[in-house]
Amino acid sequence: MADTGIRVKDNGPLVVSGTFTVLDGEGNQITIDKEIVALCRCGHSARKPFCDGSHNDAAFHSEVRAGELAN
Protein backbone atom coordinates (compact mmCIF):
# COMPACT_ATOMS: atom_id res chain seq x y z
CA MET A 1 0.00 0.00 0.00
CA ALA A 2 1.40 3.41 -1.00
CA ASP A 3 1.80 6.20 1.49
CA THR A 4 -0.46 9.20 1.08
CA GLY A 5 1.02 12.66 1.28
CA ILE A 6 -0.46 16.15 1.30
CA ARG A 7 1.71 19.16 0.55
CA VAL A 8 0.45 22.69 1.15
CA LYS A 9 1.78 24.83 -1.71
CA ASP A 10 2.53 28.47 -0.90
CA ASN A 11 -0.23 30.65 -2.35
CA GLY A 12 -1.65 27.61 -4.14
CA PRO A 13 -3.39 24.25 -3.83
CA LEU A 14 -3.08 21.20 -1.64
CA VAL A 15 -1.15 18.59 -3.63
CA VAL A 16 -2.24 15.08 -2.69
CA SER A 17 -0.21 12.05 -3.74
CA GLY A 18 -0.48 8.32 -3.18
CA THR A 19 -3.61 6.25 -2.67
CA PHE A 20 -6.66 8.28 -1.69
CA THR A 21 -10.36 8.78 -2.37
CA VAL A 22 -12.17 12.07 -2.96
CA LEU A 23 -15.85 12.20 -2.00
CA ASP A 24 -18.41 14.88 -2.86
CA GLY A 25 -20.76 16.50 -0.33
CA GLU A 26 -23.15 13.54 -0.55
CA GLY A 27 -20.42 10.95 -0.06
CA ASN A 28 -20.22 9.92 -3.72
CA GLN A 29 -16.75 9.06 -4.98
CA ILE A 30 -15.23 11.41 -7.55
CA THR A 31 -13.29 9.46 -10.17
CA ILE A 32 -9.59 10.30 -10.23
CA ASP A 33 -7.28 8.88 -12.88
CA LYS A 34 -4.03 10.21 -11.41
CA GLU A 35 -1.85 9.42 -8.40
CA ILE A 36 -1.22 13.12 -7.78
CA VAL A 37 -3.93 15.80 -7.76
CA ALA A 38 -4.09 19.44 -6.73
CA LEU A 39 -7.08 20.45 -4.60
CA CYS A 40 -8.27 24.07 -4.67
CA ARG A 41 -7.78 26.19 -1.54
CA CYS A 42 -8.67 29.61 -2.96
CA GLY A 43 -12.29 28.85 -3.86
CA HIS A 44 -12.00 30.33 -7.37
CA SER A 45 -11.42 27.16 -9.42
CA ALA A 46 -13.95 26.30 -12.11
CA ARG A 47 -13.01 22.63 -11.56
CA LYS A 48 -13.65 22.36 -7.80
CA PRO A 49 -12.56 20.49 -5.82
CA PHE A 50 -9.55 20.46 -8.17
CA CYS A 51 -7.21 23.36 -8.79
CA ASP A 52 -7.22 25.04 -12.20
CA GLY A 53 -4.67 27.76 -11.42
CA SER A 54 -7.28 30.41 -10.64
CA HIS A 55 -5.42 31.26 -7.43
CA ASN A 56 -2.94 33.20 -9.58
CA ASP A 57 -5.60 35.59 -10.93
CA ALA A 58 -7.35 35.82 -7.56
CA ALA A 59 -4.13 36.92 -5.80
CA PHE A 60 -4.69 34.14 -3.25
CA HIS A 61 -2.20 34.36 -0.42
CA SER A 62 -1.49 31.65 2.16
CA GLU A 63 1.85 30.36 3.36
CA VAL A 64 1.31 27.66 5.97
CA ARG A 65 4.31 26.59 8.04
CA ALA A 66 4.65 23.63 10.37
CA GLY A 67 4.20 24.59 14.01
CA GLU A 68 1.99 27.59 13.21
CA LEU A 69 -1.29 25.70 13.33
CA ALA A 70 -3.48 25.94 16.40
CA ASN A 71 -4.63 22.65 17.93
PDB file of N, CA and C in Angstrom:
ATOM      1  N   MET A   1       0.842  -1.171   0.000  1.00  0.00           N
ATOM      2  CA  MET A   1       0.000   0.000   0.000  1.00  0.00           C
ATOM      3  C   MET A   1       0.894   1.243   0.000  1.00  0.00           C
ATOM      4  N   ALA A   2       0.603   2.193  -0.889  1.00  0.00           N
ATOM      5  CA  ALA A   2       1.404   3.409  -0.999  1.00  0.00           C
ATOM      6  C   ALA A   2       1.055   4.381   0.109  1.00  0.00           C
ATOM      7  N   ASP A   3       2.046   5.149   0.518  1.00  0.00           N
ATOM      8  CA  ASP A   3       1.800   6.205   1.492  1.00  0.00           C
ATOM      9  C   ASP A   3       1.055   7.341   0.804  1.00  0.00           C
ATOM     10  N   THR A   4       0.243   8.035   1.572  1.00  0.00           N
ATOM     11  CA  THR A   4      -0.464   9.195   1.075  1.00  0.00           C
ATOM     12  C   THR A   4       0.197  10.426   1.659  1.00  0.00           C
ATOM     13  N   GLY A   5       0.419  11.428   0.820  1.00  0.00           N
ATOM     14  CA  GLY A   5       1.022  12.664   1.280  1.00  0.00           C
ATOM     15  C   GLY A   5       0.201  13.853   0.834  1.00  0.00           C
ATOM     16  N   ILE A   6       0.207  14.902   1.645  1.00  0.00           N
ATOM     17  CA  ILE A   6      -0.465  16.146   1.299  1.00  0.00           C
ATOM     18  C   ILE A   6       0.538  17.270   1.507  1.00  0.00           C
ATOM     19  N   ARG A   7       0.789  18.027   0.463  1.00  0.00           N
ATOM     20  CA  ARG A   7       1.707  19.159   0.546  1.00  0.00           C
ATOM     21  C   ARG A   7       0.916  20.441   0.343  1.00  0.00           C
ATOM     22  N   VAL A   8       1.096  21.391   1.252  1.00  0.00           N
ATOM     23  CA  VAL A   8       0.448  22.694   1.147  1.00  0.00           C
ATOM     24  C   VAL A   8       1.378  23.593   0.338  1.00  0.00           C
ATOM     25  N   LYS A   9       0.957  23.971  -0.856  1.00  0.00           N
ATOM     26  CA  LYS A   9       1.776  24.831  -1.707  1.00  0.00           C
ATOM     27  C   LYS A   9       1.563  26.293  -1.313  1.00  0.00           C
ATOM     28  N   ASP A  10       2.647  27.049  -1.184  1.00  0.00           N
ATOM     29  CA  ASP A  10       2.526  28.475  -0.895  1.00  0.00           C
ATOM     30  C   ASP A  10       1.656  29.141  -1.951  1.00  0.00           C
ATOM     31  N   ASN A  11       0.658  29.881  -1.480  1.00  0.00           N
ATOM     32  CA  ASN A  11      -0.233  30.654  -2.351  1.00  0.00           C
ATOM     33  C   ASN A  11      -0.904  29.800  -3.425  1.00  0.00           C
ATOM     34  N   GLY A  12      -1.079  28.510  -3.151  1.00  0.00           N
ATOM     35  CA  GLY A  12      -1.651  27.610  -4.140  1.00  0.00           C
ATOM     36  C   GLY A  12      -2.432  26.476  -3.510  1.00  0.00           C
ATOM     37  N   PRO A  13      -2.536  25.356  -4.229  1.00  0.00           N
ATOM     38  CA  PRO A  13      -3.395  24.252  -3.826  1.00  0.00           C
ATOM     39  C   PRO A  13      -2.771  23.320  -2.790  1.00  0.00           C
ATOM     40  N   LEU A  14      -3.568  22.351  -2.387  1.00  0.00           N
ATOM     41  CA  LEU A  14      -3.082  21.200  -1.637  1.00  0.00           C
ATOM     42  C   LEU A  14      -2.763  20.136  -2.679  1.00  0.00           C
ATOM     43  N   VAL A  15      -1.548  19.627  -2.672  1.00  0.00           N
ATOM     44  CA  VAL A  15      -1.151  18.594  -3.628  1.00  0.00           C
ATOM     45  C   VAL A  15      -1.165  17.262  -2.890  1.00  0.00           C
ATOM     46  N   VAL A  16      -2.045  16.371  -3.334  1.00  0.00           N
ATOM     47  CA  VAL A  16      -2.238  15.078  -2.691  1.00  0.00           C
ATOM     48  C   VAL A  16      -1.641  13.999  -3.584  1.00  0.00           C
ATOM     49  N   SER A  17      -0.832  13.121  -2.974  1.00  0.00           N
ATOM     50  CA  SER A  17      -0.214  12.046  -3.740  1.00  0.00           C
ATOM     51  C   SER A  17      -0.376  10.719  -3.007  1.00  0.00           C
ATOM     52  N   GLY A  18      -0.344   9.646  -3.765  1.00  0.00           N
ATOM     53  CA  GLY A  18      -0.483   8.318  -3.178  1.00  0.00           C
ATOM     54  C   GLY A  18      -1.864   7.746  -3.442  1.00  0.00           C
ATOM     55  N   THR A  19      -2.303   6.884  -2.544  1.00  0.00           N
ATOM     56  CA  THR A  19      -3.612   6.245  -2.669  1.00  0.00           C
ATOM     57  C   THR A  19      -4.608   6.997  -1.806  1.00  0.00           C
ATOM     58  N   PHE A  20      -5.670   7.502  -2.419  1.00  0.00           N
ATOM     59  CA  PHE A  20      -6.664   8.281  -1.686  1.00  0.00           C
ATOM     60  C   PHE A  20      -7.984   8.263  -2.448  1.00  0.00           C
ATOM     61  N   THR A  21      -9.033   8.670  -1.788  1.00  0.00           N
ATOM     62  CA  THR A  21     -10.358   8.776  -2.374  1.00  0.00           C
ATOM     63  C   THR A  21     -10.883  10.178  -2.119  1.00  0.00           C
ATOM     64  N   VAL A  22     -11.521  10.777  -3.122  1.00  0.00           N
ATOM     65  CA  VAL A  22     -12.165  12.075  -2.957  1.00  0.00           C
ATOM     66  C   VAL A  22     -13.662  11.850  -3.045  1.00  0.00           C
ATOM     67  N   LEU A  23     -14.397  12.342  -2.045  1.00  0.00           N
ATOM     68  CA  LEU A  23     -15.849  12.196  -2.000  1.00  0.00           C
ATOM     69  C   LEU A  23     -16.504  13.564  -2.112  1.00  0.00           C
ATOM     70  N   ASP A  24     -17.664  13.622  -2.778  1.00  0.00           N
ATOM     71  CA  ASP A  24     -18.405  14.878  -2.855  1.00  0.00           C
ATOM     72  C   ASP A  24     -19.207  15.095  -1.580  1.00  0.00           C
ATOM     73  N   GLY A  25     -20.001  16.156  -1.521  1.00  0.00           N
ATOM     74  CA  GLY A  25     -20.762  16.503  -0.332  1.00  0.00           C
ATOM     75  C   GLY A  25     -21.797  15.472   0.074  1.00  0.00           C
ATOM     76  N   GLU A  26     -22.182  14.591  -0.849  1.00  0.00           N
ATOM     77  CA  GLU A  26     -23.152  13.538  -0.550  1.00  0.00           C
ATOM     78  C   GLU A  26     -22.479  12.192  -0.288  1.00  0.00           C
ATOM     79  N   GLY A  27     -21.143  12.187  -0.314  1.00  0.00           N
ATOM     80  CA  GLY A  27     -20.423  10.947  -0.060  1.00  0.00           C
ATOM     81  C   GLY A  27     -20.164  10.111  -1.289  1.00  0.00           C
ATOM     82  N   ASN A  28     -20.468  10.640  -2.472  1.00  0.00           N
ATOM     83  CA  ASN A  28     -20.218   9.920  -3.719  1.00  0.00           C
ATOM     84  C   ASN A  28     -18.760  10.086  -4.131  1.00  0.00           C
ATOM     85  N   GLN A  29     -18.157   9.024  -4.588  1.00  0.00           N
ATOM     86  CA  GLN A  29     -16.754   9.061  -4.980  1.00  0.00           C
ATOM     87  C   GLN A  29     -16.574   9.799  -6.299  1.00  0.00           C
ATOM     88  N   ILE A  30     -15.601  10.710  -6.328  1.00  0.00           N
ATOM     89  CA  ILE A  30     -15.230  11.414  -7.550  1.00  0.00           C
ATOM     90  C   ILE A  30     -14.105  10.619  -8.198  1.00  0.00           C
ATOM     91  N   THR A  31     -14.277  10.258  -9.460  1.00  0.00           N
ATOM     92  CA  THR A  31     -13.287   9.464 -10.166  1.00  0.00           C
ATOM     93  C   THR A  31     -12.019  10.273 -10.405  1.00  0.00           C
ATOM     94  N   ILE A  32     -10.899   9.677 -10.039  1.00  0.00           N
ATOM     95  CA  ILE A  32      -9.593  10.300 -10.230  1.00  0.00           C
ATOM     96  C   ILE A  32      -8.734   9.309 -10.993  1.00  0.00           C
ATOM     97  N   ASP A  33      -8.108   9.771 -12.070  1.00  0.00           N
ATOM     98  CA  ASP A  33      -7.277   8.879 -12.881  1.00  0.00           C
ATOM     99  C   ASP A  33      -5.793   9.174 -12.731  1.00  0.00           C
ATOM    100  N   LYS A  34      -5.425   9.856 -11.640  1.00  0.00           N
ATOM    101  CA  LYS A  34      -4.027  10.214 -11.406  1.00  0.00           C
ATOM    102  C   LYS A  34      -3.639   9.833  -9.989  1.00  0.00           C
ATOM    103  N   GLU A  35      -2.342   9.684  -9.757  1.00  0.00           N
ATOM    104  CA  GLU A  35      -1.850   9.421  -8.405  1.00  0.00           C
ATOM    105  C   GLU A  35      -1.488  10.701  -7.674  1.00  0.00           C
ATOM    106  N   ILE A  36      -1.484  11.820  -8.394  1.00  0.00           N
ATOM    107  CA  ILE A  36      -1.218  13.116  -7.784  1.00  0.00           C
ATOM    108  C   ILE A  36      -2.273  14.091  -8.290  1.00  0.00           C
ATOM    109  N   VAL A  37      -2.951  14.786  -7.380  1.00  0.00           N
ATOM    110  CA  VAL A  37      -3.932  15.800  -7.762  1.00  0.00           C
ATOM    111  C   VAL A  37      -3.715  17.047  -6.912  1.00  0.00           C
ATOM    112  N   ALA A  38      -4.156  18.176  -7.449  1.00  0.00           N
ATOM    113  CA  ALA A  38      -4.093  19.440  -6.727  1.00  0.00           C
ATOM    114  C   ALA A  38      -5.519  19.845  -6.364  1.00  0.00           C
ATOM    115  N   LEU A  39      -5.757  20.056  -5.088  1.00  0.00           N
ATOM    116  CA  LEU A  39      -7.077  20.452  -4.601  1.00  0.00           C
ATOM    117  C   LEU A  39      -7.095  21.952  -4.324  1.00  0.00           C
ATOM    118  N   CYS A  40      -8.134  22.621  -4.793  1.00  0.00           N
ATOM    119  CA  CYS A  40      -8.271  24.069  -4.672  1.00  0.00           C
ATOM    120  C   CYS A  40      -8.375  24.501  -3.211  1.00  0.00           C
ATOM    121  N   ARG A  41      -7.651  25.566  -2.857  1.00  0.00           N
ATOM    122  CA  ARG A  41      -7.784  26.192  -1.537  1.00  0.00           C
ATOM    123  C   ARG A  41      -8.356  27.595  -1.645  1.00  0.00           C
ATOM    124  N   CYS A  42      -8.270  28.205  -2.830  1.00  0.00           N
ATOM    125  CA  CYS A  42      -8.665  29.610  -2.962  1.00  0.00           C
ATOM    126  C   CYS A  42     -10.160  29.798  -3.153  1.00  0.00           C
ATOM    127  N   GLY A  43     -10.854  28.758  -3.634  1.00  0.00           N
ATOM    128  CA  GLY A  43     -12.289  28.850  -3.863  1.00  0.00           C
ATOM    129  C   GLY A  43     -12.676  29.408  -5.218  1.00  0.00           C
ATOM    130  N   HIS A  44     -11.708  29.723  -6.075  1.00  0.00           N
ATOM    131  CA  HIS A  44     -12.003  30.329  -7.370  1.00  0.00           C
ATOM    132  C   HIS A  44     -11.954  29.355  -8.543  1.00  0.00           C
ATOM    133  N   SER A  45     -11.553  28.121  -8.326  1.00  0.00           N
ATOM    134  CA  SER A  45     -11.420  27.157  -9.415  1.00  0.00           C
ATOM    135  C   SER A  45     -12.765  26.843 -10.061  1.00  0.00           C
ATOM    136  N   ALA A  46     -12.759  26.731 -11.371  1.00  0.00           N
ATOM    137  CA  ALA A  46     -13.952  26.298 -12.105  1.00  0.00           C
ATOM    138  C   ALA A  46     -14.052  24.778 -12.110  1.00  0.00           C
ATOM    139  N   ARG A  47     -13.050  24.093 -11.573  1.00  0.00           N
ATOM    140  CA  ARG A  47     -13.015  22.629 -11.560  1.00  0.00           C
ATOM    141  C   ARG A  47     -13.052  22.074 -10.143  1.00  0.00           C
ATOM    142  N   LYS A  48     -13.630  22.805  -9.190  1.00  0.00           N
ATOM    143  CA  LYS A  48     -13.653  22.358  -7.797  1.00  0.00           C
ATOM    144  C   LYS A  48     -14.095  20.907  -7.698  1.00  0.00           C
ATOM    145  N   PRO A  49     -13.502  20.118  -6.858  1.00  0.00           N
ATOM    146  CA  PRO A  49     -12.556  20.493  -5.820  1.00  0.00           C
ATOM    147  C   PRO A  49     -11.118  20.603  -6.317  1.00  0.00           C
ATOM    148  N   PHE A  50     -10.900  20.465  -7.625  1.00  0.00           N
ATOM    149  CA  PHE A  50      -9.549  20.458  -8.169  1.00  0.00           C
ATOM    150  C   PHE A  50      -9.093  21.861  -8.545  1.00  0.00           C
ATOM    151  N   CYS A  51      -7.808  22.079  -8.462  1.00  0.00           N
ATOM    152  CA  CYS A  51      -7.212  23.364  -8.791  1.00  0.00           C
ATOM    153  C   CYS A  51      -7.110  23.527 -10.303  1.00  0.00           C
ATOM    154  N   ASP A  52      -7.416  24.737 -10.788  1.00  0.00           N
ATOM    155  CA  ASP A  52      -7.222  25.045 -12.203  1.00  0.00           C
ATOM    156  C   ASP A  52      -6.288  26.238 -12.404  1.00  0.00           C
ATOM    157  N   GLY A  53      -5.603  26.642 -11.335  1.00  0.00           N
ATOM    158  CA  GLY A  53      -4.665  27.760 -11.421  1.00  0.00           C
ATOM    159  C   GLY A  53      -5.291  29.120 -11.167  1.00  0.00           C
ATOM    160  N   SER A  54      -6.589  29.146 -10.863  1.00  0.00           N
ATOM    161  CA  SER A  54      -7.280  30.410 -10.642  1.00  0.00           C
ATOM    162  C   SER A  54      -6.710  31.214  -9.478  1.00  0.00           C
ATOM    163  N   HIS A  55      -6.000  30.553  -8.570  1.00  0.00           N
ATOM    164  CA  HIS A  55      -5.421  31.262  -7.426  1.00  0.00           C
ATOM    165  C   HIS A  55      -4.456  32.355  -7.889  1.00  0.00           C
ATOM    166  N   ASN A  56      -3.858  32.179  -9.053  1.00  0.00           N
ATOM    167  CA  ASN A  56      -2.943  33.198  -9.575  1.00  0.00           C
ATOM    168  C   ASN A  56      -3.679  34.492  -9.904  1.00  0.00           C
ATOM    169  N   ASP A  57      -4.818  34.398 -10.581  1.00  0.00           N
ATOM    170  CA  ASP A  57      -5.600  35.587 -10.934  1.00  0.00           C
ATOM    171  C   ASP A  57      -6.304  36.185  -9.728  1.00  0.00           C
ATOM    172  N   ALA A  58      -6.622  35.351  -8.745  1.00  0.00           N
ATOM    173  CA  ALA A  58      -7.348  35.816  -7.560  1.00  0.00           C
ATOM    174  C   ALA A  58      -6.427  36.428  -6.510  1.00  0.00           C
ATOM    175  N   ALA A  59      -5.127  36.404  -6.757  1.00  0.00           N
ATOM    176  CA  ALA A  59      -4.133  36.916  -5.802  1.00  0.00           C
ATOM    177  C   ALA A  59      -4.282  36.232  -4.443  1.00  0.00           C
ATOM    178  N   PHE A  60      -4.561  34.917  -4.481  1.00  0.00           N
ATOM    179  CA  PHE A  60      -4.695  34.138  -3.253  1.00  0.00           C
ATOM    180  C   PHE A  60      -3.365  34.129  -2.520  1.00  0.00           C
ATOM    181  N   HIS A  61      -3.416  34.332  -1.213  1.00  0.00           N
ATOM    182  CA  HIS A  61      -2.197  34.361  -0.422  1.00  0.00           C
ATOM    183  C   HIS A  61      -2.365  33.494   0.823  1.00  0.00           C
ATOM    184  N   SER A  62      -1.525  32.496   0.957  1.00  0.00           N
ATOM    185  CA  SER A  62      -1.494  31.653   2.158  1.00  0.00           C
ATOM    186  C   SER A  62      -0.188  30.895   2.154  1.00  0.00           C
ATOM    187  N   GLU A  63       0.580  31.073   3.212  1.00  0.00           N
ATOM    188  CA  GLU A  63       1.846  30.362   3.363  1.00  0.00           C
ATOM    189  C   GLU A  63       1.852  29.675   4.723  1.00  0.00           C
ATOM    190  N   VAL A  64       1.417  28.434   4.740  1.00  0.00           N
ATOM    191  CA  VAL A  64       1.310  27.655   5.974  1.00  0.00           C
ATOM    192  C   VAL A  64       2.676  27.069   6.319  1.00  0.00           C
ATOM    193  N   ARG A  65       3.061  27.173   7.576  1.00  0.00           N
ATOM    194  CA  ARG A  65       4.312  26.594   8.043  1.00  0.00           C
ATOM    195  C   ARG A  65       4.041  25.657   9.219  1.00  0.00           C
ATOM    196  N   ALA A  66       4.784  24.579   9.280  1.00  0.00           N
ATOM    197  CA  ALA A  66       4.648  23.630  10.369  1.00  0.00           C
ATOM    198  C   ALA A  66       4.857  24.353  11.682  1.00  0.00           C
ATOM    199  N   GLY A  67       4.079  23.995  12.692  1.00  0.00           N
ATOM    200  CA  GLY A  67       4.199  24.592  14.012  1.00  0.00           C
ATOM    201  C   GLY A  67       3.372  25.844  14.187  1.00  0.00           C
ATOM    202  N   GLU A  68       2.800  26.391  13.101  1.00  0.00           N
ATOM    203  CA  GLU A  68       1.995  27.593  13.206  1.00  0.00           C
ATOM    204  C   GLU A  68       0.509  27.299  13.405  1.00  0.00           C
ATOM    205  N   LEU A  69       0.115  26.048  13.238  1.00  0.00           N
ATOM    206  CA  LEU A  69      -1.293  25.703  13.325  1.00  0.00           C
ATOM    207  C   LEU A  69      -1.741  25.554  14.774  1.00  0.00           C
ATOM    208  N   ALA A  70      -2.913  26.091  15.052  1.00  0.00           N
ATOM    209  CA  ALA A  70      -3.480  25.941  16.401  1.00  0.00           C
ATOM    210  C   ALA A  70      -4.106  24.553  16.516  1.00  0.00           C
ATOM    211  N   ASN A  71      -4.033  23.981  17.705  1.00  0.00           N
ATOM    212  CA  ASN A  71      -4.626  22.647  17.929  1.00  0.00           C
ATOM    213  C   ASN A  71      -6.092  22.747  18.155  1.00  0.00           C
TER     214      ASN A  71
END
